[in-house]
N, C-alpha and C. Protein backbone atom coordinates (compact mmCIF):
# COMPACT_ATOMS: atom_id res chain seq x y z
N MET A 1 130.37 118.94 95.66
CA MET A 1 131.24 118.22 94.64
C MET A 1 131.11 118.28 93.19
N ASP A 2 132.25 118.59 92.80
CA ASP A 2 132.04 118.11 91.18
C ASP A 2 133.13 117.21 90.69
N THR A 3 132.48 116.09 89.88
CA THR A 3 133.28 114.84 89.80
C THR A 3 132.81 114.28 88.26
N THR A 4 133.58 113.92 87.46
CA THR A 4 133.16 113.35 86.25
C THR A 4 132.88 111.86 86.29
N VAL A 5 132.02 111.35 85.97
CA VAL A 5 131.99 109.88 85.82
C VAL A 5 131.42 109.47 84.21
N GLN A 6 132.00 108.26 83.82
CA GLN A 6 132.14 107.91 82.17
C GLN A 6 131.22 106.81 81.91
N VAL A 7 130.07 106.86 81.30
CA VAL A 7 129.31 105.66 80.92
C VAL A 7 130.03 104.68 80.28
N ARG A 8 129.91 103.63 80.77
CA ARG A 8 130.60 102.40 80.17
C ARG A 8 129.86 101.65 79.29
N GLN A 9 130.25 100.62 78.12
CA GLN A 9 130.26 100.04 77.18
C GLN A 9 128.45 99.75 77.57
N ARG A 10 128.29 98.51 78.82
CA ARG A 10 126.82 98.31 79.20
C ARG A 10 126.27 99.45 79.87
N GLY A 11 126.24 100.82 79.66
CA GLY A 11 125.61 101.70 80.50
C GLY A 11 126.16 101.76 81.81
N SER A 12 126.98 101.39 82.62
CA SER A 12 127.28 101.19 83.45
C SER A 12 127.81 102.67 84.43
N LEU A 13 127.58 103.31 85.58
CA LEU A 13 128.20 104.26 85.79
C LEU A 13 128.83 103.77 87.21
N THR A 14 130.32 104.28 87.09
CA THR A 14 130.81 104.01 88.71
C THR A 14 131.23 105.22 89.71
N LEU A 15 130.41 105.14 90.50
CA LEU A 15 130.46 106.41 91.35
C LEU A 15 131.83 106.33 92.12
N PRO A 16 132.42 107.71 92.60
CA PRO A 16 133.73 107.60 93.07
C PRO A 16 133.58 107.35 94.78
N ALA A 17 134.57 106.61 95.28
CA ALA A 17 134.87 105.60 96.21
C ALA A 17 134.53 106.81 97.32
N ASP A 18 134.71 107.89 97.24
CA ASP A 18 134.79 109.04 98.41
C ASP A 18 133.10 109.18 98.90
N LEU A 19 132.62 109.34 97.38
CA LEU A 19 130.96 109.15 97.55
C LEU A 19 130.27 108.01 97.78
N ARG A 20 130.85 106.99 97.71
CA ARG A 20 130.27 105.70 98.34
C ARG A 20 130.48 105.50 99.70
N GLU A 21 131.33 105.93 100.33
CA GLU A 21 131.95 105.76 101.52
C GLU A 21 131.21 106.92 102.63
N ARG A 22 131.26 108.23 101.91
CA ARG A 22 130.34 109.20 102.69
C ARG A 22 129.23 109.04 102.95
N TYR A 23 127.98 108.29 101.69
CA TYR A 23 127.08 107.83 102.11
C TYR A 23 126.35 106.70 102.22
N GLY A 24 127.45 106.03 102.49
CA GLY A 24 127.26 104.40 102.90
C GLY A 24 126.42 103.37 101.86
N ILE A 25 126.90 103.86 100.23
CA ILE A 25 126.58 103.41 99.39
C ILE A 25 127.52 101.59 99.48
N GLU A 26 126.54 100.85 99.15
CA GLU A 26 127.12 99.27 99.29
C GLU A 26 126.59 98.71 97.66
N PRO A 27 127.51 97.27 97.41
CA PRO A 27 126.85 96.83 96.46
C PRO A 27 125.74 96.56 96.38
N GLY A 28 124.93 96.52 95.57
CA GLY A 28 123.53 95.96 95.28
C GLY A 28 122.34 97.11 95.90
N ASP A 29 122.85 98.35 96.66
CA ASP A 29 121.78 99.28 96.59
C ASP A 29 120.70 99.85 95.76
N THR A 30 119.93 99.88 95.59
CA THR A 30 119.07 100.66 94.32
C THR A 30 118.85 101.93 94.45
N PHE A 31 118.49 102.35 93.63
CA PHE A 31 118.39 104.20 93.29
C PHE A 31 117.32 104.37 92.19
N ARG A 32 116.64 105.19 92.17
CA ARG A 32 115.76 105.87 91.25
C ARG A 32 116.63 107.10 90.63
N LEU A 33 116.46 106.91 89.24
CA LEU A 33 116.99 108.00 88.50
C LEU A 33 115.79 108.92 87.96
N LEU A 34 116.02 110.44 88.27
CA LEU A 34 115.12 111.19 87.61
C LEU A 34 115.60 111.77 86.91
N ASP A 35 115.16 112.56 85.34
CA ASP A 35 115.34 112.84 84.42
C ASP A 35 114.69 114.36 84.30
N LEU A 36 115.37 115.42 84.61
CA LEU A 36 114.37 116.86 84.78
C LEU A 36 115.09 117.42 83.51
N ASP A 37 114.85 117.06 82.76
CA ASP A 37 114.78 117.66 80.94
C ASP A 37 116.47 117.93 81.29
N GLY A 38 116.98 116.68 80.90
CA GLY A 38 118.49 116.64 80.90
C GLY A 38 119.50 116.83 82.01
N ILE A 39 118.72 117.15 83.32
CA ILE A 39 119.73 117.01 84.82
C ILE A 39 119.03 115.71 85.54
N PHE A 40 120.04 114.94 85.33
CA PHE A 40 119.71 113.65 86.24
C PHE A 40 120.06 113.76 87.96
N VAL A 41 118.79 113.22 88.33
CA VAL A 41 119.03 113.17 89.76
C VAL A 41 118.82 112.02 90.42
N LEU A 42 119.77 111.53 91.18
CA LEU A 42 119.94 109.85 91.27
C LEU A 42 119.33 110.12 93.03
N THR A 43 118.64 109.09 93.23
CA THR A 43 118.33 109.16 94.82
C THR A 43 118.04 107.67 95.11
N PRO A 44 118.49 107.11 96.29
CA PRO A 44 118.40 106.05 96.78
C PRO A 44 116.82 105.64 97.15
N MET A 45 116.82 104.72 96.77
CA MET A 45 115.30 103.64 97.10
C MET A 45 115.27 103.03 98.34
N THR A 46 114.66 103.67 99.62
CA THR A 46 114.75 102.80 100.28
C THR A 46 113.71 101.56 100.72
N PRO A 47 114.15 100.24 100.82
CA PRO A 47 113.64 98.96 101.03
C PRO A 47 112.10 99.29 101.78
N MET A 48 111.03 99.59 101.27
CA MET A 48 109.79 99.54 102.06
C MET A 48 109.40 98.13 102.51
N VAL A 49 109.75 97.17 102.24
CA VAL A 49 109.01 95.67 102.34
C VAL A 49 109.44 95.42 103.69
N PRO A 50 110.53 95.26 104.14
CA PRO A 50 110.96 95.02 105.27
C PRO A 50 110.52 95.85 106.22
N GLU A 51 110.72 96.92 106.17
CA GLU A 51 110.19 98.14 107.11
C GLU A 51 108.87 97.83 107.18
N LEU A 52 107.88 97.82 106.59
CA LEU A 52 106.82 97.40 106.27
C LEU A 52 106.51 96.11 107.34
N ALA A 53 107.31 94.95 107.15
CA ALA A 53 106.64 94.11 107.79
C ALA A 53 107.17 93.99 109.42
N TRP A 54 108.23 94.98 109.38
CA TRP A 54 108.72 95.04 110.87
C TRP A 54 107.34 95.72 111.50
N GLU A 55 106.62 96.64 110.73
CA GLU A 55 105.58 97.44 111.63
C GLU A 55 104.58 96.53 111.51
N ILE A 56 103.99 96.02 110.54
CA ILE A 56 103.21 94.77 110.84
C ILE A 56 102.87 93.95 112.21
N GLU A 57 104.55 93.51 112.26
CA GLU A 57 104.70 92.67 113.31
C GLU A 57 104.74 93.37 114.60
N ARG A 58 105.27 94.22 114.66
CA ARG A 58 105.25 95.28 115.91
C ARG A 58 103.71 95.51 116.28
N ALA A 59 102.59 95.63 115.37
CA ALA A 59 101.36 96.16 115.54
C ALA A 59 100.89 94.99 116.09
N ARG A 60 100.88 93.56 114.95
CA ARG A 60 100.45 92.62 115.67
C ARG A 60 100.96 91.50 117.06
N VAL A 61 101.77 92.27 117.47
CA VAL A 61 102.25 91.78 119.17
C VAL A 61 101.82 92.63 120.11
N GLU A 62 101.48 94.32 119.37
CA GLU A 62 100.92 94.88 120.37
C GLU A 62 99.29 94.53 120.84
N ALA A 63 98.71 94.20 120.06
CA ALA A 63 97.60 94.05 119.73
C ALA A 63 97.14 92.60 120.32
N GLY A 64 98.23 91.53 121.04
CA GLY A 64 97.95 90.29 121.39
C GLY A 64 97.39 89.32 120.19
N LEU A 65 97.77 89.61 118.70
CA LEU A 65 96.89 88.66 118.04
C LEU A 65 98.00 87.56 117.28
N ASP A 66 97.73 86.18 117.48
CA ASP A 66 98.83 85.51 116.95
C ASP A 66 98.66 85.41 115.61
N THR A 67 99.44 84.65 114.79
CA THR A 67 99.47 84.51 113.16
C THR A 67 98.10 83.95 112.92
N ALA A 68 97.52 83.10 113.56
CA ALA A 68 96.22 82.50 112.96
C ALA A 68 95.22 83.15 112.76
N ALA A 69 95.24 84.10 113.83
CA ALA A 69 94.10 85.50 114.22
C ALA A 69 94.20 86.38 112.83
N LEU A 70 95.48 86.62 112.96
CA LEU A 70 95.49 87.68 111.91
C LEU A 70 95.27 87.14 110.35
N LEU A 71 95.51 86.05 110.10
CA LEU A 71 95.27 85.97 108.64
C LEU A 71 93.85 85.52 108.69
N THR A 72 93.36 85.15 109.55
CA THR A 72 91.64 85.06 109.72
C THR A 72 90.83 86.37 109.81
N ALA A 73 91.61 87.46 110.20
CA ALA A 73 90.83 88.59 110.50
C ALA A 73 91.01 89.11 108.57
N LEU A 74 92.34 89.14 108.22
CA LEU A 74 92.51 89.48 106.94
C LEU A 74 91.53 88.53 105.72
N ARG A 75 91.37 87.45 105.84
CA ARG A 75 90.14 86.50 105.05
C ARG A 75 89.17 87.09 104.99
N GLU A 76 88.64 87.55 106.03
CA GLU A 76 86.78 88.04 106.79
C GLU A 76 87.32 89.67 106.17
N GLU A 77 88.24 90.32 106.33
CA GLU A 77 88.09 91.65 105.50
C GLU A 77 88.14 91.71 104.01
N ARG A 78 89.11 90.86 103.67
CA ARG A 78 89.14 90.71 101.96
C ARG A 78 87.66 90.24 101.22
N ALA A 79 86.94 89.48 102.32
CA ALA A 79 85.72 88.55 101.92
C ALA A 79 84.87 89.99 102.03
N ARG A 80 84.85 90.67 103.17
CA ARG A 80 83.84 91.46 102.97
C ARG A 80 84.07 92.87 101.90
N TYR A 81 85.28 93.16 101.55
CA TYR A 81 85.67 94.07 100.51
C TYR A 81 85.24 93.57 99.46
N VAL A 82 85.49 92.63 98.93
CA VAL A 82 84.94 91.64 97.77
C VAL A 82 83.47 92.15 97.49
N ALA A 83 82.48 91.58 98.91
CA ALA A 83 81.31 91.55 98.67
C ALA A 83 80.44 93.06 98.24
N GLU A 84 81.33 94.03 99.14
CA GLU A 84 81.17 95.30 99.07
C GLU A 84 80.98 95.98 97.60
N THR A 85 82.64 95.34 97.09
CA THR A 85 82.88 96.18 95.87
C THR A 85 82.40 95.30 94.66
N TYR A 86 82.27 93.84 94.66
CA TYR A 86 81.69 93.58 93.17
C TYR A 86 80.35 92.84 93.44
N GLY A 87 79.66 92.80 94.96
CA GLY A 87 78.43 92.40 95.09
C GLY A 87 78.67 90.73 95.57
N ASP A 88 77.49 90.08 96.28
CA ASP A 88 77.45 88.93 96.58
C ASP A 88 76.98 87.94 95.35
N ASP A 89 77.59 87.84 94.69
CA ASP A 89 77.48 86.70 93.40
C ASP A 89 77.19 85.25 93.92
């Protein structure tokens, strides 16, 4: 596809409606702009936090851990890491 877009006064670009529809682009979606020596590549940023949160929740349920047990294990692991990394002061 070959199309022309115009940079607005505040630096905004408007993507053509057919592209937004084809790729399911919604208001508020986030993109990364790569500058390859003057060739701009626009790629969608996939929100990883919600995806990661669901994966952690799935693993927690599969392991049979409740939230309190998970937090306790995380605190213990953090304390072990700090002791190994920075010593037992």
